[in-house]
Every structure is written in structure tokens, then in C-alpha cells.
Amino acid sequence: MEKKYLLCVYDFLKKNNKCDHLLSHCKYIGEFISEPIYFMFYEENLKNAVIVKDGDTCINFEVYEINETTLKNLEFIYSSSFDLENQKFIKKNIETPYGDAIIFMYNKKIINNKLINSGNFVFLRNKSEEIKHGLE
């Protein structure tokens, strides 16, 4: 039997966002709002939200149960390099109301990115138009 993991998402993988199809086969566990310990930014080059610790924003998270194959696919998507210093994201574990979950945290310096004070990022595709919500 394949090992299962909990995955915590805050970005374009959330339900009804542009890349939610990557988790459509996974079991949705629930959602929660974090303590105010993060900063959330819109990273223009990635066309996605990123979070870093040591902030003052509560983040709206969703939690999914994923398998080993899905985890490896996400590791590939979020990894830009095998060199930890050059990786844009690093995989970490955080505590959630559903148990410890994997999260991909931004690993680069934040420069001139738009702060998302709401902590709730939505990035939908409507025909050929991109719609972003939550940007301050």
C-alpha cells in the first residue's frame, strides 16, 4: 500500500484555482486559518502566491491527503534546482488541526512583490483572462 501524506496548500493548488486539477484525485481533508506568523506575497515571475515565516498575516490553508506519486510530482514542480541554496521553494512540515502536513515555503528573498494582506490567494482562469483576488 502506498504511503499517504497530508499536504497544506495556500496557492494556485487550492480548490477553484488555476492548478487545482493537480490535486483533483486527492482527498480533501479540510481548511483552516493559521496564526498570524506569515507574510504572503504575489510573485509575478511565478504567477503565484508565496509565503514566508516571521510575518503577521493569517493564511487560509487547505489540507489534502496525497500519495507518494503526487508528492514526487509536486516536489518536481516546486523545485527549480537540486542545490538547496538556489531552490525557490523548500519542503517543510507544519502543524495543522488535521496533523502534521507538508508545505512548500518560499526560499528566496522577497523583492518588490505585492503583499497579500488578506492571506487568501485566489487565481482563477476565466477564458483567456487571468483574475487575481486578494492583492492589496
Protein backbone atom coordinates (compact mmCIF):
# COMPACT_ATOMS: atom_id res chain seq x y z
CA MET A 1 0.00 0.00 0.00
CA GLU A 2 1.33 3.42 -0.99
CA LYS A 3 2.25 5.80 1.83
CA LYS A 4 -0.09 8.76 2.43
CA TYR A 5 0.84 12.31 3.41
CA LEU A 6 -1.01 15.45 4.40
CA LEU A 7 -0.34 18.44 2.16
CA CYS A 8 -1.09 22.02 3.15
CA VAL A 9 -1.70 24.46 0.27
CA TYR A 10 -2.25 28.22 0.07
CA ASP A 11 -1.59 28.97 -3.58
CA PHE A 12 -2.84 28.05 -7.06
CA LEU A 13 -3.39 24.45 -5.90
CA LYS A 14 -6.38 25.44 -3.76
CA LYS A 15 -9.89 24.45 -4.90
CA ASN A 16 -11.21 26.50 -7.83
CA ASN A 17 -7.76 27.89 -8.65
CA LYS A 18 -5.86 27.51 -11.89
CA CYS A 19 -3.87 24.39 -10.90
CA ASP A 20 -6.39 22.61 -8.67
CA HIS A 21 -6.52 19.77 -11.22
CA LEU A 22 -3.17 18.61 -9.82
CA LEU A 23 -4.98 17.61 -6.61
CA SER A 24 -8.36 16.63 -8.09
CA HIS A 25 -7.67 12.93 -7.43
CA CYS A 26 -6.64 13.59 -3.81
CA LYS A 27 -8.83 13.50 -0.74
CA TYR A 28 -9.76 16.96 0.52
CA ILE A 29 -9.39 16.96 4.32
CA GLY A 30 -10.40 20.50 5.27
CA GLU A 31 -9.31 24.07 5.66
CA PHE A 32 -8.09 26.30 8.46
CA ILE A 33 -6.72 29.75 9.12
CA SER A 34 -3.22 29.93 10.57
CA GLU A 35 -1.91 32.02 13.40
CA PRO A 36 -0.54 35.39 12.21
CA ILE A 37 3.03 34.17 11.61
CA TYR A 38 3.46 34.50 7.84
CA PHE A 39 3.78 37.07 5.09
CA MET A 40 2.02 36.29 1.79
CA PHE A 41 3.19 37.86 -1.46
CA TYR A 42 2.26 37.62 -5.11
CA GLU A 43 5.36 36.52 -7.03
CA GLU A 44 4.93 37.96 -10.53
CA ASN A 45 7.54 35.70 -12.17
CA LEU A 46 5.84 32.58 -10.81
CA LYS A 47 2.28 33.93 -11.26
CA ASN A 48 1.56 32.53 -7.82
CA ALA A 49 1.39 33.38 -4.14
CA VAL A 50 4.33 32.62 -1.90
CA ILE A 51 4.58 32.68 1.89
CA VAL A 52 7.47 33.23 4.26
CA LYS A 53 7.58 32.95 8.04
CA ASP A 54 8.06 35.69 10.63
CA GLY A 55 5.18 37.81 9.42
CA ASP A 56 1.89 38.99 10.86
CA THR A 57 -0.64 37.56 8.39
CA CYS A 58 -3.10 34.71 8.97
CA ILE A 59 -3.13 32.37 5.94
CA ASN A 60 -6.16 30.50 4.60
CA PHE A 61 -4.91 26.93 4.09
CA GLU A 62 -6.45 23.81 2.58
CA VAL A 63 -5.27 20.33 3.54
CA TYR A 64 -5.28 17.27 1.29
CA GLU A 65 -4.29 13.66 1.67
CA ILE A 66 -1.83 12.80 -1.10
CA ASN A 67 0.11 9.73 -2.16
CA GLU A 68 3.82 9.25 -2.90
CA THR A 69 3.38 9.82 -6.65
CA THR A 70 1.58 13.14 -6.14
CA LEU A 71 4.23 14.24 -3.63
CA LYS A 72 7.02 13.48 -6.11
CA ASN A 73 5.18 15.40 -8.86
CA LEU A 74 4.77 18.41 -6.57
CA GLU A 75 8.40 18.23 -5.48
CA PHE A 76 9.35 18.42 -9.15
CA ILE A 77 7.00 21.38 -9.79
CA TYR A 78 8.23 23.34 -6.77
CA SER A 79 11.91 22.50 -7.22
CA SER A 80 13.96 24.66 -9.51
CA SER A 81 17.30 23.17 -8.54
CA PHE A 82 18.84 20.32 -6.59
CA ASP A 83 21.07 22.91 -4.93
CA LEU A 84 19.20 23.97 -1.76
CA GLU A 85 20.62 27.48 -1.95
CA ASN A 86 19.13 28.01 -5.43
CA GLN A 87 15.75 26.40 -4.81
CA LYS A 88 12.80 28.76 -4.91
CA PHE A 89 10.80 26.56 -2.53
CA ILE A 90 11.71 24.22 0.27
CA LYS A 91 9.56 21.44 1.65
CA LYS A 92 8.73 21.78 5.34
CA ASN A 93 6.31 20.26 7.83
CA ILE A 94 3.81 22.40 9.71
CA GLU A 95 1.27 21.57 12.36
CA THR A 96 -2.36 21.74 11.24
CA PRO A 97 -5.64 20.88 13.01
CA TYR A 98 -5.54 17.62 10.98
CA GLY A 99 -1.97 16.63 11.91
CA ASP A 100 1.48 17.46 10.57
CA ALA A 101 1.41 18.40 6.89
CA ILE A 102 3.92 19.09 4.15
CA ILE A 103 4.08 22.64 2.83
CA PHE A 104 6.24 24.28 0.18
CA MET A 105 7.67 27.53 1.58
CA TYR A 106 9.38 30.24 -0.44
CA ASN A 107 13.16 30.12 -0.10
CA LYS A 108 14.18 33.37 -1.80
CA LYS A 109 14.46 36.99 -0.76
CA ILE A 110 11.23 38.93 -1.30
CA ILE A 111 11.95 41.91 -3.56
CA ASN A 112 9.24 44.31 -4.76
CA ASN A 113 6.45 41.75 -4.61
CA LYS A 114 2.85 42.66 -3.84
CA LEU A 115 1.79 41.92 -0.29
CA ILE A 116 -1.44 39.92 0.10
CA ASN A 117 -2.72 41.16 3.45
CA SER A 118 -5.88 39.03 3.32
CA GLY A 119 -3.88 35.77 3.49
CA ASN A 120 -6.32 34.31 0.95
CA PHE A 121 -4.98 33.96 -2.58
CA VAL A 122 -7.29 33.15 -5.47
CA PHE A 123 -6.04 32.91 -9.03
CA LEU A 124 -8.70 31.82 -11.48
CA ARG A 125 -8.70 31.44 -15.23
CA ASN A 126 -11.77 32.83 -16.94
CA LYS A 127 -11.44 32.15 -20.68
CA SER A 128 -8.12 33.79 -21.59
CA GLU A 129 -8.32 36.37 -18.82
CA GLU A 130 -6.42 35.95 -15.58
CA ILE A 131 -8.23 37.11 -12.47
CA LYS A 132 -6.34 37.65 -9.22
CA HIS A 133 -8.08 38.29 -5.91
CA GLY A 134 -6.62 39.14 -2.57
CA LEU A 135 -3.93 41.51 -3.80
CA GLU A 136 -3.57 44.67 -1.76
